[in-house]
Amino acid sequence: MLLLAIDTATAGVAVAVHDGDRVLAAARAGDARHHNEVLVPTIAAVLEEAGRERTDVTDVAVGVGPGPYTGLRVGLATARTLALAWGARIHGVCSLDVLAAQAVAEGLTGEFLVATDARRREVHTARYLATTEGVRRTAGPDVVAPASLTPDVPVVGAGTRLYPDVLGPARAPFDADGAALAHLVVDTLAGRATWELLPPEPLYLRRPDAVEPGARKRVTA
């Protein structure tokens, strides 16, 4: 097995390569404005660092959001194209789940929220429960105004940087990590975790701004 993990739902791009036992290489590059410019070169660099060829890839994991439209479009289009070209299986993952897995790996237990920047003065959020048996999402994902939240549990994610008056002090992790995404998918495929694997389709929580125009009204004299 050789799994390529890609996430573009948060700032920059996160890429990793996992051989089924360990992460061979991982990198983060760019920012929210340059996903399209840095993703493919970062993938090539990570594969080179891992000492593997693109033809070795058997699985592709991709964060499906929620996140900004442009970043998701770039990541998902690239993941689907590469999986098709390489004959690899493709697995989608809620990007908030990746952040939750990172938080638990860093020692967070019990109930907590993940909150990321949804722009328009809103946050993407989901609630989790981490126990000795594992971690699972118990609510969400949703897109809400920060003022509508009254957190009674710890909050992690980039939303805490933006709205500390509501969500509490800034608390990492802030961005999805390629290595964490790779571990999540490998462990789920191996039966060591029970995260939900999704189709490689963007997880949008808002209606699109652009809508198809309705039929023209007939004008009479």
N, C-alpha and C. Protein backbone atom coordinates (compact mmCIF):
# COMPACT_ATOMS: atom_id res chain seq x y z
N MET A 1 0.84 -1.19 0.00
CA MET A 1 0.00 0.00 0.00
C MET A 1 0.88 1.25 0.00
N LEU A 2 0.50 2.22 -0.80
CA LEU A 2 1.12 3.55 -0.73
C LEU A 2 0.00 4.57 -0.89
N LEU A 3 -0.22 5.34 0.16
CA LEU A 3 -1.31 6.30 0.19
C LEU A 3 -0.78 7.72 0.10
N LEU A 4 -1.34 8.48 -0.83
CA LEU A 4 -1.05 9.91 -0.96
C LEU A 4 -2.20 10.67 -0.33
N ALA A 5 -1.90 11.52 0.64
CA ALA A 5 -2.92 12.31 1.34
C ALA A 5 -2.80 13.77 0.95
N ILE A 6 -3.96 14.39 0.66
CA ILE A 6 -4.00 15.80 0.22
C ILE A 6 -5.11 16.51 0.97
N ASP A 7 -4.82 17.68 1.52
CA ASP A 7 -5.88 18.52 2.07
C ASP A 7 -5.63 19.97 1.68
N THR A 8 -6.68 20.61 1.15
CA THR A 8 -6.61 22.02 0.76
C THR A 8 -7.78 22.80 1.35
N ALA A 9 -8.39 22.27 2.40
CA ALA A 9 -9.58 22.90 2.99
C ALA A 9 -9.22 24.00 3.98
N THR A 10 -7.97 24.02 4.43
CA THR A 10 -7.54 25.07 5.36
C THR A 10 -6.42 25.85 4.69
N ALA A 11 -5.68 26.63 5.43
CA ALA A 11 -4.65 27.49 4.84
C ALA A 11 -3.56 26.66 4.16
N GLY A 12 -3.23 27.01 2.94
CA GLY A 12 -2.20 26.30 2.21
C GLY A 12 -2.62 24.90 1.81
N VAL A 13 -1.63 24.08 1.43
CA VAL A 13 -1.89 22.69 1.07
C VAL A 13 -1.08 21.80 2.00
N ALA A 14 -1.65 20.66 2.36
CA ALA A 14 -0.98 19.67 3.20
C ALA A 14 -0.93 18.37 2.42
N VAL A 15 0.25 17.77 2.34
CA VAL A 15 0.46 16.56 1.56
C VAL A 15 1.32 15.59 2.38
N ALA A 16 1.01 14.30 2.27
CA ALA A 16 1.82 13.29 2.94
C ALA A 16 1.77 11.98 2.15
N VAL A 17 2.75 11.14 2.37
CA VAL A 17 2.79 9.80 1.78
C VAL A 17 2.96 8.79 2.91
N HIS A 18 2.12 7.77 2.91
CA HIS A 18 2.09 6.75 3.97
C HIS A 18 2.16 5.38 3.31
N ASP A 19 3.03 4.50 3.84
CA ASP A 19 3.21 3.18 3.22
C ASP A 19 2.40 2.08 3.90
N GLY A 20 1.46 2.47 4.78
CA GLY A 20 0.67 1.48 5.50
C GLY A 20 1.20 1.21 6.89
N ASP A 21 2.48 1.53 7.11
CA ASP A 21 3.08 1.38 8.43
C ASP A 21 3.45 2.73 9.04
N ARG A 22 3.91 3.66 8.21
CA ARG A 22 4.35 4.94 8.72
C ARG A 22 4.29 5.99 7.63
N VAL A 23 4.35 7.24 8.05
CA VAL A 23 4.44 8.35 7.10
C VAL A 23 5.88 8.44 6.60
N LEU A 24 6.04 8.39 5.29
CA LEU A 24 7.37 8.46 4.70
C LEU A 24 7.84 9.88 4.48
N ALA A 25 6.90 10.78 4.20
CA ALA A 25 7.24 12.18 3.96
C ALA A 25 5.98 13.01 4.05
N ALA A 26 6.13 14.27 4.45
CA ALA A 26 4.97 15.16 4.56
C ALA A 26 5.45 16.59 4.38
N ALA A 27 4.56 17.45 3.91
CA ALA A 27 4.91 18.86 3.72
C ALA A 27 3.66 19.72 3.72
N ARG A 28 3.86 20.99 4.09
CA ARG A 28 2.82 22.01 3.97
C ARG A 28 3.42 23.16 3.18
N ALA A 29 2.62 23.75 2.28
CA ALA A 29 3.13 24.81 1.43
C ALA A 29 2.05 25.81 1.10
N GLY A 30 2.47 27.01 0.74
CA GLY A 30 1.55 28.02 0.24
C GLY A 30 0.64 28.59 1.31
N ASP A 31 -0.37 29.29 0.83
CA ASP A 31 -1.39 29.85 1.71
C ASP A 31 -2.72 29.75 1.00
N ALA A 32 -3.76 30.33 1.59
CA ALA A 32 -5.11 30.16 1.06
C ALA A 32 -5.28 30.74 -0.34
N ARG A 33 -4.33 31.56 -0.79
CA ARG A 33 -4.48 32.20 -2.10
C ARG A 33 -3.76 31.44 -3.21
N HIS A 34 -2.96 30.43 -2.87
CA HIS A 34 -2.07 29.83 -3.87
C HIS A 34 -2.17 28.31 -3.95
N HIS A 35 -3.33 27.75 -3.63
CA HIS A 35 -3.48 26.29 -3.70
C HIS A 35 -3.09 25.76 -5.09
N ASN A 36 -3.60 26.39 -6.13
CA ASN A 36 -3.43 25.89 -7.48
C ASN A 36 -1.97 25.90 -7.91
N GLU A 37 -1.19 26.87 -7.39
CA GLU A 37 0.20 27.01 -7.82
C GLU A 37 1.13 26.02 -7.12
N VAL A 38 0.81 25.63 -5.90
CA VAL A 38 1.77 24.86 -5.11
C VAL A 38 1.40 23.39 -4.92
N LEU A 39 0.16 23.00 -5.21
CA LEU A 39 -0.25 21.64 -4.86
C LEU A 39 0.53 20.59 -5.64
N VAL A 40 0.53 20.65 -6.95
CA VAL A 40 1.19 19.61 -7.74
C VAL A 40 2.69 19.57 -7.48
N PRO A 41 3.40 20.71 -7.42
CA PRO A 41 4.82 20.64 -7.06
C PRO A 41 5.07 20.05 -5.68
N THR A 42 4.18 20.32 -4.74
CA THR A 42 4.34 19.76 -3.39
C THR A 42 4.15 18.25 -3.41
N ILE A 43 3.17 17.78 -4.16
CA ILE A 43 2.97 16.33 -4.30
C ILE A 43 4.23 15.68 -4.88
N ALA A 44 4.78 16.28 -5.93
CA ALA A 44 5.98 15.72 -6.56
C ALA A 44 7.15 15.71 -5.58
N ALA A 45 7.29 16.78 -4.79
CA ALA A 45 8.40 16.86 -3.84
C ALA A 45 8.26 15.82 -2.73
N VAL A 46 7.03 15.61 -2.25
CA VAL A 46 6.82 14.64 -1.18
C VAL A 46 7.07 13.22 -1.67
N LEU A 47 6.62 12.90 -2.88
CA LEU A 47 6.90 11.57 -3.44
C LEU A 47 8.40 11.36 -3.62
N GLU A 48 9.10 12.40 -4.07
CA GLU A 48 10.55 12.29 -4.24
C GLU A 48 11.24 12.08 -2.90
N GLU A 49 10.82 12.83 -1.88
CA GLU A 49 11.41 12.67 -0.55
C GLU A 49 11.17 11.27 0.00
N ALA A 50 9.99 10.72 -0.31
CA ALA A 50 9.67 9.37 0.15
C ALA A 50 10.39 8.29 -0.64
N GLY A 51 11.00 8.67 -1.75
CA GLY A 51 11.70 7.70 -2.58
C GLY A 51 10.75 6.80 -3.34
N ARG A 52 9.57 7.29 -3.65
CA ARG A 52 8.56 6.50 -4.35
C ARG A 52 8.16 7.19 -5.66
N GLU A 53 7.64 6.38 -6.57
CA GLU A 53 7.16 6.88 -7.86
C GLU A 53 5.64 7.02 -7.81
N ARG A 54 5.12 7.86 -8.69
CA ARG A 54 3.67 8.04 -8.73
C ARG A 54 2.95 6.74 -9.05
N THR A 55 3.61 5.85 -9.81
CA THR A 55 3.00 4.56 -10.16
C THR A 55 2.90 3.63 -8.97
N ASP A 56 3.58 3.96 -7.86
CA ASP A 56 3.51 3.14 -6.64
C ASP A 56 2.24 3.43 -5.83
N VAL A 57 1.59 4.56 -6.10
CA VAL A 57 0.45 4.99 -5.30
C VAL A 57 -0.75 4.08 -5.55
N THR A 58 -1.28 3.51 -4.46
CA THR A 58 -2.45 2.63 -4.55
C THR A 58 -3.73 3.31 -4.06
N ASP A 59 -3.56 4.34 -3.20
CA ASP A 59 -4.71 5.01 -2.60
C ASP A 59 -4.44 6.51 -2.52
N VAL A 60 -5.50 7.28 -2.69
CA VAL A 60 -5.43 8.73 -2.53
C VAL A 60 -6.48 9.13 -1.50
N ALA A 61 -6.06 9.89 -0.50
CA ALA A 61 -6.98 10.43 0.51
C ALA A 61 -7.06 11.93 0.33
N VAL A 62 -8.27 12.48 0.41
CA VAL A 62 -8.42 13.91 0.19
C VAL A 62 -9.42 14.50 1.18
N GLY A 63 -9.06 15.64 1.76
CA GLY A 63 -9.99 16.36 2.62
C GLY A 63 -11.09 16.98 1.78
N VAL A 64 -12.34 16.75 2.16
CA VAL A 64 -13.48 17.24 1.37
C VAL A 64 -14.11 18.49 1.97
N GLY A 65 -13.47 19.04 3.01
CA GLY A 65 -14.03 20.23 3.64
C GLY A 65 -14.81 19.86 4.89
N PRO A 66 -15.59 20.81 5.37
CA PRO A 66 -15.93 22.09 4.75
C PRO A 66 -14.76 23.05 4.71
N GLY A 67 -14.81 23.94 3.71
CA GLY A 67 -13.75 24.91 3.54
C GLY A 67 -14.08 25.83 2.39
N PRO A 68 -13.20 26.77 2.09
CA PRO A 68 -13.43 27.71 1.00
C PRO A 68 -13.57 26.99 -0.34
N TYR A 69 -14.43 27.51 -1.19
CA TYR A 69 -14.75 26.86 -2.45
C TYR A 69 -13.52 26.62 -3.31
N THR A 70 -12.68 27.64 -3.48
CA THR A 70 -11.54 27.51 -4.39
C THR A 70 -10.57 26.45 -3.93
N GLY A 71 -10.22 26.46 -2.64
CA GLY A 71 -9.30 25.46 -2.13
C GLY A 71 -9.82 24.05 -2.29
N LEU A 72 -11.09 23.84 -1.95
CA LEU A 72 -11.67 22.50 -2.10
C LEU A 72 -11.66 22.05 -3.55
N ARG A 73 -12.02 22.96 -4.45
CA ARG A 73 -12.09 22.61 -5.87
C ARG A 73 -10.72 22.15 -6.37
N VAL A 74 -9.68 22.87 -6.00
CA VAL A 74 -8.33 22.52 -6.45
C VAL A 74 -7.91 21.16 -5.90
N GLY A 75 -8.09 20.95 -4.61
CA GLY A 75 -7.66 19.70 -4.00
C GLY A 75 -8.42 18.49 -4.51
N LEU A 76 -9.73 18.63 -4.61
CA LEU A 76 -10.55 17.50 -5.05
C LEU A 76 -10.33 17.19 -6.52
N ALA A 77 -10.23 18.21 -7.35
CA ALA A 77 -10.00 17.97 -8.78
C ALA A 77 -8.66 17.28 -8.98
N THR A 78 -7.64 17.72 -8.25
CA THR A 78 -6.33 17.09 -8.37
C THR A 78 -6.36 15.66 -7.88
N ALA A 79 -6.99 15.42 -6.73
CA ALA A 79 -7.05 14.06 -6.18
C ALA A 79 -7.79 13.12 -7.11
N ARG A 80 -8.91 13.56 -7.66
CA ARG A 80 -9.68 12.70 -8.57
C ARG A 80 -8.90 12.41 -9.84
N THR A 81 -8.23 13.42 -10.37
CA THR A 81 -7.47 13.24 -11.60
C THR A 81 -6.32 12.26 -11.39
N LEU A 82 -5.59 12.43 -10.28
CA LEU A 82 -4.46 11.54 -10.02
C LEU A 82 -4.92 10.10 -9.77
N ALA A 83 -5.99 9.95 -9.00
CA ALA A 83 -6.50 8.60 -8.71
C ALA A 83 -6.91 7.89 -10.01
N LEU A 84 -7.57 8.63 -10.89
CA LEU A 84 -8.00 8.04 -12.16
C LEU A 84 -6.79 7.68 -13.02
N ALA A 85 -5.83 8.59 -13.10
CA ALA A 85 -4.65 8.36 -13.94
C ALA A 85 -3.80 7.20 -13.43
N TRP A 86 -3.73 7.07 -12.09
CA TRP A 86 -2.87 6.04 -11.49
C TRP A 86 -3.61 4.75 -11.16
N GLY A 87 -4.91 4.71 -11.39
CA GLY A 87 -5.68 3.53 -11.04
C GLY A 87 -5.74 3.28 -9.56
N ALA A 88 -5.76 4.36 -8.77
CA ALA A 88 -5.75 4.26 -7.31
C ALA A 88 -7.16 4.42 -6.75
N ARG A 89 -7.39 3.83 -5.59
CA ARG A 89 -8.64 4.06 -4.86
C ARG A 89 -8.61 5.46 -4.26
N ILE A 90 -9.77 6.07 -4.11
CA ILE A 90 -9.82 7.42 -3.55
C ILE A 90 -10.78 7.46 -2.38
N HIS A 91 -10.38 8.17 -1.32
CA HIS A 91 -11.15 8.23 -0.09
C HIS A 91 -11.29 9.69 0.35
N GLY A 92 -12.52 10.15 0.56
CA GLY A 92 -12.74 11.49 1.08
C GLY A 92 -12.88 11.48 2.59
N VAL A 93 -12.45 12.57 3.23
CA VAL A 93 -12.51 12.68 4.69
C VAL A 93 -12.96 14.10 5.04
N CYS A 94 -13.87 14.23 5.99
CA CYS A 94 -14.23 15.54 6.52
C CYS A 94 -12.98 16.17 7.14
N SER A 95 -12.63 17.36 6.67
CA SER A 95 -11.40 17.99 7.15
C SER A 95 -11.45 18.35 8.63
N LEU A 96 -12.65 18.56 9.17
CA LEU A 96 -12.77 18.80 10.61
C LEU A 96 -12.41 17.55 11.40
N ASP A 97 -12.68 16.38 10.84
CA ASP A 97 -12.30 15.13 11.49
C ASP A 97 -10.77 15.02 11.59
N VAL A 98 -10.08 15.51 10.57
CA VAL A 98 -8.62 15.47 10.61
C VAL A 98 -8.10 16.34 11.75
N LEU A 99 -8.66 17.53 11.90
CA LEU A 99 -8.27 18.41 13.01
C LEU A 99 -8.59 17.77 14.36
N ALA A 100 -9.73 17.09 14.44
CA ALA A 100 -10.09 16.42 15.68
C ALA A 100 -9.09 15.31 16.01
N ALA A 101 -8.71 14.55 14.99
CA ALA A 101 -7.72 13.48 15.21
C ALA A 101 -6.39 14.06 15.67
N GLN A 102 -6.00 15.21 15.10
CA GLN A 102 -4.77 15.86 15.53
C GLN A 102 -4.86 16.30 16.99
N ALA A 103 -6.00 16.88 17.37
CA ALA A 103 -6.17 17.35 18.74
C ALA A 103 -6.07 16.20 19.73
N VAL A 104 -6.67 15.08 19.39
CA VAL A 104 -6.62 13.91 20.28
C VAL A 104 -5.20 13.36 20.35
N ALA A 105 -4.50 13.33 19.22
CA ALA A 105 -3.11 12.85 19.21
C ALA A 105 -2.22 13.74 20.09
N GLU A 106 -2.62 15.01 20.24
CA GLU A 106 -1.85 15.94 21.06
C GLU A 106 -2.31 15.93 22.52
N GLY A 107 -3.25 15.02 22.86
CA GLY A 107 -3.60 14.82 24.25
C GLY A 107 -4.97 15.28 24.70
N LEU A 108 -5.78 15.84 23.79
CA LEU A 108 -7.11 16.30 24.18
C LEU A 108 -8.03 15.10 24.37
N THR A 109 -8.82 15.12 25.45
CA THR A 109 -9.76 14.04 25.72
C THR A 109 -11.11 14.62 26.10
N GLY A 110 -12.11 13.76 26.15
CA GLY A 110 -13.46 14.21 26.50
C GLY A 110 -14.14 14.87 25.33
N GLU A 111 -15.11 15.74 25.61
CA GLU A 111 -15.84 16.44 24.56
C GLU A 111 -15.11 17.72 24.17
N PHE A 112 -15.17 18.04 22.90
CA PHE A 112 -14.56 19.29 22.43
C PHE A 112 -15.18 19.68 21.08
N LEU A 113 -14.94 20.93 20.69
CA LEU A 113 -15.40 21.46 19.41
C LEU A 113 -14.20 21.77 18.52
N VAL A 114 -14.38 21.57 17.23
CA VAL A 114 -13.44 22.08 16.23
C VAL A 114 -14.15 23.22 15.52
N ALA A 115 -13.48 24.36 15.40
CA ALA A 115 -14.06 25.53 14.71
C ALA A 115 -13.03 26.11 13.75
N THR A 116 -13.39 26.21 12.48
CA THR A 116 -12.49 26.75 11.47
C THR A 116 -13.14 27.95 10.80
N ASP A 117 -12.34 28.70 10.08
CA ASP A 117 -12.82 29.91 9.42
C ASP A 117 -13.71 29.57 8.23
N ALA A 118 -14.96 30.01 8.28
CA ALA A 118 -15.88 29.81 7.15
C ALA A 118 -16.05 31.09 6.34
N ARG A 119 -15.33 32.14 6.75
CA ARG A 119 -15.44 33.46 6.13
C ARG A 119 -16.85 34.02 6.36
N ARG A 120 -17.09 35.21 5.84
CA ARG A 120 -18.39 35.89 6.03
C ARG A 120 -18.76 35.99 7.51
N ARG A 121 -17.73 36.08 8.38
CA ARG A 121 -17.94 36.17 9.83
C ARG A 121 -18.69 34.96 10.38
N GLU A 122 -18.37 33.80 9.84
CA GLU A 122 -18.95 32.53 10.31
C GLU A 122 -17.84 31.51 10.52
N VAL A 123 -18.18 30.42 11.20
CA VAL A 123 -17.23 29.33 11.40
C VAL A 123 -17.86 28.01 11.00
N HIS A 124 -17.01 27.11 10.54
CA HIS A 124 -17.40 25.71 10.37
C HIS A 124 -17.11 25.01 11.69
N THR A 125 -18.03 24.24 12.18
CA THR A 125 -17.82 23.61 13.48
C THR A 125 -18.39 22.21 13.54
N ALA A 126 -17.81 21.39 14.39
CA ALA A 126 -18.31 20.05 14.67
C ALA A 126 -17.89 19.68 16.09
N ARG A 127 -18.67 18.82 16.71
CA ARG A 127 -18.44 18.41 18.10
C ARG A 127 -17.95 16.96 18.13
N TYR A 128 -17.03 16.69 19.05
CA TYR A 128 -16.40 15.36 19.13
C TYR A 128 -16.36 14.86 20.57
N LEU A 129 -16.22 13.55 20.68
CA LEU A 129 -16.03 12.91 21.97
C LEU A 129 -14.86 11.94 21.85
N ALA A 130 -13.84 12.16 22.68
CA ALA A 130 -12.66 11.29 22.70
C ALA A 130 -12.63 10.51 23.99
N THR A 131 -12.61 9.19 23.88
CA THR A 131 -12.53 8.31 25.05
C THR A 131 -11.41 7.30 24.83
N THR A 132 -11.24 6.40 25.77
CA THR A 132 -10.21 5.37 25.62
C THR A 132 -10.53 4.42 24.46
N GLU A 133 -11.78 4.43 24.01
CA GLU A 133 -12.19 3.56 22.91
C GLU A 133 -12.00 4.23 21.55
N GLY A 134 -11.66 5.50 21.55
CA GLY A 134 -11.47 6.19 20.28
C GLY A 134 -12.13 7.56 20.30
N VAL A 135 -12.23 8.16 19.14
CA VAL A 135 -12.83 9.48 19.01
C VAL A 135 -13.88 9.44 17.90
N ARG A 136 -14.98 10.15 18.12
CA ARG A 136 -16.03 10.17 17.11
C ARG A 136 -16.69 11.55 17.08
N ARG A 137 -17.24 11.87 15.93
CA ARG A 137 -17.99 13.11 15.78
C ARG A 137 -19.40 12.88 16.28
N THR A 138 -19.88 13.78 17.14
CA THR A 138 -21.22 13.63 17.73
C THR A 138 -22.22 14.64 17.18
N ALA A 139 -21.74 15.70 16.51
CA ALA A 139 -22.64 16.69 15.92
C ALA A 139 -21.88 17.45 14.85
N GLY A 140 -22.62 17.89 13.83
CA GLY A 140 -22.02 18.66 12.75
C GLY A 140 -21.54 17.76 11.62
N PRO A 141 -20.88 18.36 10.63
CA PRO A 141 -20.42 19.75 10.59
C PRO A 141 -21.55 20.74 10.27
N ASP A 142 -21.38 21.97 10.78
CA ASP A 142 -22.33 23.05 10.55
C ASP A 142 -21.57 24.32 10.22
N VAL A 143 -22.28 25.29 9.66
CA VAL A 143 -21.73 26.62 9.49
C VAL A 143 -22.62 27.58 10.26
N VAL A 144 -22.02 28.33 11.20
CA VAL A 144 -22.81 29.16 12.10
C VAL A 144 -22.07 30.47 12.38
N ALA A 145 -22.80 31.44 12.88
CA ALA A 145 -22.19 32.67 13.37
C ALA A 145 -21.57 32.37 14.73
N PRO A 146 -20.36 32.84 15.00
CA PRO A 146 -19.72 32.56 16.29
C PRO A 146 -20.58 32.98 17.48
N ALA A 147 -21.31 34.08 17.33
CA ALA A 147 -22.13 34.58 18.43
C ALA A 147 -23.23 33.61 18.83
N SER A 148 -23.57 32.68 17.92
CA SER A 148 -24.62 31.72 18.24
C SER A 148 -24.11 30.55 19.07
N LEU A 149 -22.80 30.49 19.24
CA LEU A 149 -22.20 29.39 20.00
C LEU A 149 -22.00 29.80 21.46
N THR A 150 -22.25 28.88 22.33
CA THR A 150 -21.95 29.08 23.76
C THR A 150 -21.18 27.84 24.22
N PRO A 151 -19.92 27.76 23.84
CA PRO A 151 -19.16 26.53 24.10
C PRO A 151 -19.08 26.19 25.58
N ASP A 152 -19.40 24.93 25.89
CA ASP A 152 -19.27 24.43 27.25
C ASP A 152 -18.15 23.39 27.33
N VAL A 153 -17.36 23.32 26.24
CA VAL A 153 -16.26 22.37 26.15
C VAL A 153 -15.09 23.09 25.48
N PRO A 154 -13.87 22.53 25.52
CA PRO A 154 -12.73 23.16 24.84
C PRO A 154 -12.98 23.29 23.34
N VAL A 155 -12.41 24.32 22.74
CA VAL A 155 -12.53 24.56 21.30
C VAL A 155 -11.13 24.66 20.71
N VAL A 156 -10.92 23.98 19.59
CA VAL A 156 -9.65 24.05 18.87
C VAL A 156 -9.93 24.49 17.44
N GLY A 157 -8.89 24.96 16.77
CA GLY A 157 -9.05 25.34 15.37
C GLY A 157 -8.82 26.81 15.12
N ALA A 158 -8.75 27.18 13.86
CA ALA A 158 -8.47 28.56 13.46
C ALA A 158 -9.55 29.52 13.92
N GLY A 159 -10.76 29.03 14.16
CA GLY A 159 -11.82 29.89 14.66
C GLY A 159 -11.48 30.53 15.98
N THR A 160 -10.68 29.86 16.79
CA THR A 160 -10.32 30.43 18.10
C THR A 160 -9.38 31.61 17.96
N ARG A 161 -8.64 31.67 16.85
CA ARG A 161 -7.79 32.84 16.59
C ARG A 161 -8.63 34.05 16.21
N LEU A 162 -9.72 33.79 15.50
CA LEU A 162 -10.54 34.87 14.96
C LEU A 162 -11.55 35.40 15.96
N TYR A 163 -12.08 34.52 16.81
CA TYR A 163 -13.17 34.92 17.71
C TYR A 163 -12.88 34.46 19.14
N PRO A 164 -11.76 34.90 19.71
CA PRO A 164 -11.40 34.46 21.07
C PRO A 164 -12.40 34.91 22.12
N ASP A 165 -13.12 36.00 21.85
CA ASP A 165 -14.09 36.48 22.84
C ASP A 165 -15.25 35.53 23.01
N VAL A 166 -15.53 34.73 21.97
CA VAL A 166 -16.63 33.76 22.02
C VAL A 166 -16.11 32.34 22.22
N LEU A 167 -15.04 31.99 21.51
CA LEU A 167 -14.57 30.60 21.48
C LEU A 167 -13.45 30.32 22.45
N GLY A 168 -12.96 31.33 23.12
CA GLY A 168 -11.88 31.12 24.06
C GLY A 168 -10.53 31.36 23.42
N PRO A 169 -9.45 31.21 24.17
CA PRO A 169 -8.11 31.51 23.66
C PRO A 169 -7.72 30.62 22.49
N ALA A 170 -6.85 31.16 21.63
CA ALA A 170 -6.38 30.40 20.47
C ALA A 170 -5.80 29.07 20.90
N ARG A 171 -6.25 28.00 20.25
CA ARG A 171 -5.80 26.67 20.62
C ARG A 171 -5.61 25.81 19.38
N ALA A 172 -4.40 25.29 19.20
CA ALA A 172 -4.09 24.41 18.07
C ALA A 172 -4.75 23.05 18.26
N PRO A 173 -4.89 22.30 17.14
CA PRO A 173 -4.38 22.57 15.80
C PRO A 173 -5.25 23.57 15.03
N PHE A 174 -4.60 24.32 14.14
CA PHE A 174 -5.32 25.32 13.36
C PHE A 174 -5.59 24.88 11.93
N ASP A 175 -4.72 24.07 11.37
CA ASP A 175 -4.85 23.62 9.99
C ASP A 175 -4.71 22.11 9.89
N ALA A 176 -5.44 21.52 8.96
CA ALA A 176 -5.36 20.07 8.75
C ALA A 176 -3.96 19.67 8.31
N ASP A 177 -3.48 18.58 8.84
CA ASP A 177 -2.13 18.08 8.59
C ASP A 177 -2.19 16.86 7.68
N GLY A 178 -1.31 16.83 6.67
CA GLY A 178 -1.32 15.72 5.73
C GLY A 178 -1.02 14.39 6.39
N ALA A 179 -0.07 14.38 7.33
CA ALA A 179 0.27 13.15 8.02
C ALA A 179 -0.91 12.63 8.84
N ALA A 180 -1.64 13.55 9.50
CA ALA A 180 -2.80 13.13 10.29
C ALA A 180 -3.90 12.57 9.38
N LEU A 181 -4.10 13.19 8.22
CA LEU A 181 -5.08 12.67 7.27
C LEU A 181 -4.68 11.27 6.81
N ALA A 182 -3.40 11.09 6.51
CA ALA A 182 -2.94 9.78 6.06
C ALA A 182 -3.13 8.72 7.14
N HIS A 183 -2.74 9.03 8.38
CA HIS A 183 -2.92 8.08 9.49
C HIS A 183 -4.40 7.73 9.65
N LEU A 184 -5.27 8.73 9.59
CA LEU A 184 -6.70 8.52 9.78
C LEU A 184 -7.24 7.50 8.78
N VAL A 185 -6.90 7.69 7.51
CA VAL A 185 -7.42 6.81 6.47
C VAL A 185 -6.81 5.42 6.57
N VAL A 186 -5.51 5.34 6.78
CA VAL A 186 -4.87 4.03 6.89
C VAL A 186 -5.45 3.24 8.07
N ASP A 187 -5.62 3.90 9.21
CA ASP A 187 -6.16 3.22 10.38
C ASP A 187 -7.61 2.80 10.16
N THR A 188 -8.38 3.62 9.47
CA THR A 188 -9.78 3.26 9.20
C THR A 188 -9.86 2.08 8.24
N LEU A 189 -9.06 2.09 7.19
CA LEU A 189 -9.05 0.97 6.24
C LEU A 189 -8.60 -0.32 6.90
N ALA A 190 -7.71 -0.20 7.91
CA ALA A 190 -7.19 -1.38 8.59
C ALA A 190 -8.09 -1.83 9.74
N GLY A 191 -9.17 -1.07 10.02
CA GLY A 191 -10.08 -1.44 11.09
C GLY A 191 -9.62 -1.00 12.47
N ARG A 192 -8.58 -0.17 12.53
CA ARG A 192 -8.10 0.30 13.83
C ARG A 192 -8.80 1.58 14.28
N ALA A 193 -9.61 2.16 13.40
CA ALA A 193 -10.38 3.36 13.71
C ALA A 193 -11.70 3.29 12.94
N THR A 194 -12.64 4.12 13.34
CA THR A 194 -13.97 4.04 12.73
C THR A 194 -14.41 5.39 12.14
N TRP A 195 -13.47 6.16 11.64
CA TRP A 195 -13.82 7.41 10.99
C TRP A 195 -14.64 7.14 9.73
N GLU A 196 -15.48 8.09 9.37
CA GLU A 196 -16.31 7.95 8.18
C GLU A 196 -15.51 8.36 6.95
N LEU A 197 -15.41 7.46 5.99
CA LEU A 197 -14.79 7.78 4.71
C LEU A 197 -15.89 8.16 3.73
N LEU A 198 -15.68 9.24 2.99
CA LEU A 198 -16.72 9.85 2.18
C LEU A 198 -16.37 9.80 0.70
N PRO A 199 -17.35 10.00 -0.17
CA PRO A 199 -17.04 10.16 -1.59
C PRO A 199 -16.19 11.41 -1.80
N PRO A 200 -15.40 11.45 -2.85
CA PRO A 200 -14.55 12.62 -3.09
C PRO A 200 -15.33 13.77 -3.70
N GLU A 201 -16.28 14.28 -2.94
CA GLU A 201 -17.11 15.40 -3.37
C GLU A 201 -17.01 16.51 -2.32
N PRO A 202 -17.04 17.77 -2.75
CA PRO A 202 -16.88 18.88 -1.79
C PRO A 202 -18.02 18.95 -0.79
N LEU A 203 -17.67 19.15 0.45
CA LEU A 203 -18.66 19.26 1.52
C LEU A 203 -18.94 20.75 1.74
N TYR A 204 -19.90 21.26 0.97
CA TYR A 204 -20.31 22.66 1.09
C TYR A 204 -21.48 22.74 2.05
N LEU A 205 -21.43 23.70 2.94
CA LEU A 205 -22.51 23.86 3.91
C LEU A 205 -23.36 25.08 3.64
N ARG A 206 -23.03 25.80 2.58
CA ARG A 206 -23.82 26.96 2.18
C ARG A 206 -24.40 26.74 0.80
N ARG A 207 -25.49 27.43 0.53
CA ARG A 207 -26.01 27.47 -0.83
C ARG A 207 -25.06 28.32 -1.66
N PRO A 208 -24.85 27.97 -2.93
CA PRO A 208 -23.95 28.77 -3.76
C PRO A 208 -24.46 30.18 -3.97
N ASP A 209 -23.51 31.12 -4.08
CA ASP A 209 -23.89 32.51 -4.35
C ASP A 209 -24.51 32.66 -5.73
N ALA A 210 -23.93 31.97 -6.68
CA ALA A 210 -24.44 32.06 -8.05
C ALA A 210 -25.51 31.00 -8.26
N VAL A 211 -26.65 31.39 -8.72
CA VAL A 211 -27.73 30.44 -8.98
C VAL A 211 -28.18 30.58 -10.43
N GLU A 212 -28.71 29.52 -10.93
CA GLU A 212 -29.17 29.52 -12.31
C GLU A 212 -30.38 30.46 -12.43
N PRO A 213 -30.34 31.36 -13.40
CA PRO A 213 -31.45 32.29 -13.54
C PRO A 213 -32.75 31.59 -13.87
N GLY A 214 -33.85 32.15 -13.39
CA GLY A 214 -35.14 31.59 -13.69
C GLY A 214 -35.60 31.95 -15.10
N ALA A 215 -36.71 31.43 -15.45
CA ALA A 215 -37.24 31.70 -16.80
C ALA A 215 -37.54 33.19 -16.93
N ARG A 216 -37.30 33.72 -18.10
CA ARG A 216 -37.58 35.13 -18.34
C ARG A 216 -39.08 35.40 -18.31
N LYS A 217 -39.41 36.53 -17.74
CA LYS A 217 -40.81 36.90 -17.72
C LYS A 217 -41.24 37.39 -19.10
N ARG A 218 -42.42 37.01 -19.46
CA ARG A 218 -42.95 37.43 -20.75
C ARG A 218 -43.43 38.88 -20.64
N VAL A 219 -43.01 39.69 -21.58
CA VAL A 219 -43.39 41.09 -21.57
C VAL A 219 -44.54 41.30 -22.55
N THR A 220 -45.57 41.92 -22.05
CA THR A 220 -46.71 42.20 -22.91
C THR A 220 -46.88 43.71 -23.03
N ALA A 221 -47.42 44.11 -24.15
CA ALA A 221 -47.64 45.54 -24.40
C ALA A 221 -48.77 46.06 -23.55
